[in-house]
Amino acid sequence: MEETIIMTDENGESVEFYVLEETRIHGKNYLLVTDAKEDEDGECYILRDMSGEEDPEAVYEFVEDEGELDGLFRIFSELLDDMDVELEK
């Protein structure tokens, strides 16, 4: 079973993402997610966990900084090296 997360967009709509991989860097958790089901092409996004200890649910934000994205992209590419997933920038 694939792990999914549901986020709410700026219009209040629920959007489901499929979690491909997760990692922890410098005390922050990151998720690599996609909007496509298995065996489909889709867009990938990197999310940063911004949850505090008092938050009842996880709080994620999209990583948008190009330098941070480049570093995280390399890390996730290495983590997915053994899986049948092809990442493209």
C-alpha atoms as a PDB file:
ATOM      1  CA  MET A   1       0.000   0.000   0.000  1.00  0.00           C
ATOM      2  CA  GLU A   2       1.305   3.425  -0.951  1.00  0.00           C
ATOM      3  CA  GLU A   3       1.609   6.067   1.722  1.00  0.00           C
ATOM      4  CA  THR A   4      -0.312   9.224   0.892  1.00  0.00           C
ATOM      5  CA  ILE A   5      -0.736  12.632   2.413  1.00  0.00           C
ATOM      6  CA  ILE A   6      -3.572  15.044   1.801  1.00  0.00           C
ATOM      7  CA  MET A   7      -2.868  18.752   1.677  1.00  0.00           C
ATOM      8  CA  THR A   8      -5.209  21.691   1.292  1.00  0.00           C
ATOM      9  CA  ASP A   9      -4.416  24.130  -1.521  1.00  0.00           C
ATOM     10  CA  GLU A  10      -4.961  27.893  -1.513  1.00  0.00           C
ATOM     11  CA  ASN A  11      -8.557  27.384  -2.719  1.00  0.00           C
ATOM     12  CA  GLY A  12      -9.399  25.050   0.163  1.00  0.00           C
ATOM     13  CA  GLU A  13      -9.379  22.001  -2.122  1.00  0.00           C
ATOM     14  CA  SER A  14      -7.882  18.726  -0.897  1.00  0.00           C
ATOM     15  CA  VAL A  15      -4.960  17.424  -2.958  1.00  0.00           C
ATOM     16  CA  GLU A  16      -3.589  13.908  -2.513  1.00  0.00           C
ATOM     17  CA  PHE A  17       0.133  13.212  -2.890  1.00  0.00           C
ATOM     18  CA  TYR A  18       1.921   9.863  -2.931  1.00  0.00           C
ATOM     19  CA  VAL A  19       5.055   9.689  -0.787  1.00  0.00           C
ATOM     20  CA  LEU A  20       8.043   8.305  -2.706  1.00  0.00           C
ATOM     21  CA  GLU A  21      10.740   8.810  -0.083  1.00  0.00           C
ATOM     22  CA  GLU A  22      11.529  10.695   3.088  1.00  0.00           C
ATOM     23  CA  THR A  23      14.734  11.836   4.733  1.00  0.00           C
ATOM     24  CA  ARG A  24      15.962  13.942   7.647  1.00  0.00           C
ATOM     25  CA  ILE A  25      18.625  16.604   7.094  1.00  0.00           C
ATOM     26  CA  HIS A  26      19.905  19.099   9.675  1.00  0.00           C
ATOM     27  CA  GLY A  27      17.046  18.234  12.031  1.00  0.00           C
ATOM     28  CA  LYS A  28      14.322  18.789   9.406  1.00  0.00           C
ATOM     29  CA  ASN A  29      12.170  16.091   7.790  1.00  0.00           C
ATOM     30  CA  TYR A  30      11.625  16.195   4.038  1.00  0.00           C
ATOM     31  CA  LEU A  31       9.253  14.246   1.819  1.00  0.00           C
ATOM     32  CA  LEU A  32       9.548  13.567  -1.891  1.00  0.00           C
ATOM     33  CA  VAL A  33       5.981  13.304  -3.163  1.00  0.00           C
ATOM     34  CA  THR A  34       4.253  12.934  -6.508  1.00  0.00           C
ATOM     35  CA  ASP A  35       0.766  13.668  -7.768  1.00  0.00           C
ATOM     36  CA  ALA A  36       0.683  10.478  -9.891  1.00  0.00           C
ATOM     37  CA  LYS A  37      -0.191   6.924  -8.973  1.00  0.00           C
ATOM     38  CA  GLU A  38       2.302   4.100  -9.474  1.00  0.00           C
ATOM     39  CA  ASP A  39       3.211   3.452 -13.140  1.00  0.00           C
ATOM     40  CA  GLU A  40       2.051   6.951 -14.174  1.00  0.00           C
ATOM     41  CA  ASP A  41       4.114  10.001 -15.059  1.00  0.00           C
ATOM     42  CA  GLY A  42       3.608  12.951 -12.767  1.00  0.00           C
ATOM     43  CA  GLU A  43       5.159  15.936 -11.109  1.00  0.00           C
ATOM     44  CA  CYS A  44       7.387  15.516  -8.047  1.00  0.00           C
ATOM     45  CA  TYR A  45       7.599  17.969  -5.179  1.00  0.00           C
ATOM     46  CA  ILE A  46       9.773  18.240  -2.112  1.00  0.00           C
ATOM     47  CA  LEU A  47       8.002  19.147   1.110  1.00  0.00           C
ATOM     48  CA  ARG A  48       9.570  20.352   4.364  1.00  0.00           C
ATOM     49  CA  ASP A  49       7.931  19.359   7.651  1.00  0.00           C
ATOM     50  CA  MET A  50       7.264  22.576   9.574  1.00  0.00           C
ATOM     51  CA  SER A  51       5.297  20.905  12.391  1.00  0.00           C
ATOM     52  CA  GLY A  52       5.835  21.986  15.922  1.00  0.00           C
ATOM     53  CA  GLU A  53       5.484  19.720  18.920  1.00  0.00           C
ATOM     54  CA  GLU A  54       2.115  21.301  19.711  1.00  0.00           C
ATOM     55  CA  ASP A  55       0.662  20.757  16.206  1.00  0.00           C
ATOM     56  CA  PRO A  56      -1.992  17.991  16.188  1.00  0.00           C
ATOM     57  CA  GLU A  57      -1.285  17.261  12.492  1.00  0.00           C
ATOM     58  CA  ALA A  58       1.818  17.507  10.338  1.00  0.00           C
ATOM     59  CA  VAL A  59       2.375  20.872   8.666  1.00  0.00           C
ATOM     60  CA  TYR A  60       4.271  20.806   5.351  1.00  0.00           C
ATOM     61  CA  GLU A  61       5.431  23.515   2.989  1.00  0.00           C
ATOM     62  CA  PHE A  62       6.788  23.228  -0.544  1.00  0.00           C
ATOM     63  CA  VAL A  63      10.540  23.796  -0.834  1.00  0.00           C
ATOM     64  CA  GLU A  64      10.954  26.615  -3.354  1.00  0.00           C
ATOM     65  CA  ASP A  65      14.540  27.814  -2.856  1.00  0.00           C
ATOM     66  CA  GLU A  66      16.534  26.678  -5.932  1.00  0.00           C
ATOM     67  CA  GLY A  67      19.752  26.007  -4.001  1.00  0.00           C
ATOM     68  CA  GLU A  68      17.954  23.940  -1.384  1.00  0.00           C
ATOM     69  CA  LEU A  69      15.981  22.105  -4.081  1.00  0.00           C
ATOM     70  CA  ASP A  70      19.167  21.203  -5.974  1.00  0.00           C
ATOM     71  CA  GLY A  71      20.778  19.689  -2.863  1.00  0.00           C
ATOM     72  CA  LEU A  72      17.645  17.805  -1.869  1.00  0.00           C
ATOM     73  CA  PHE A  73      17.131  16.589  -5.443  1.00  0.00           C
ATOM     74  CA  ARG A  74      20.609  15.003  -5.417  1.00  0.00           C
ATOM     75  CA  ILE A  75      19.948  13.332  -2.066  1.00  0.00           C
ATOM     76  CA  PHE A  76      16.565  11.955  -3.128  1.00  0.00           C
ATOM     77  CA  SER A  77      18.034  10.779  -6.457  1.00  0.00           C
ATOM     78  CA  GLU A  78      20.607   8.723  -4.543  1.00  0.00           C
ATOM     79  CA  LEU A  79      17.959   7.352  -2.172  1.00  0.00           C
ATOM     80  CA  LEU A  80      15.793   6.264  -5.116  1.00  0.00           C
ATOM     81  CA  ASP A  81      18.691   4.790  -7.083  1.00  0.00           C
ATOM     82  CA  ASP A  82      17.550   1.219  -6.350  1.00  0.00           C
ATOM     83  CA  MET A  83      13.886   1.904  -7.093  1.00  0.00           C
ATOM     84  CA  ASP A  84      12.225   2.019 -10.498  1.00  0.00           C
ATOM     85  CA  VAL A  85      11.725   5.805 -10.297  1.00  0.00           C
ATOM     86  CA  GLU A  86      13.243   8.269 -12.742  1.00  0.00           C
ATOM     87  CA  LEU A  87      13.607  11.843 -11.523  1.00  0.00           C
ATOM     88  CA  GLU A  88      14.021  14.699 -13.963  1.00  0.00           C
ATOM     89  CA  LYS A  89      14.532  18.363 -13.164  1.00  0.00           C
END
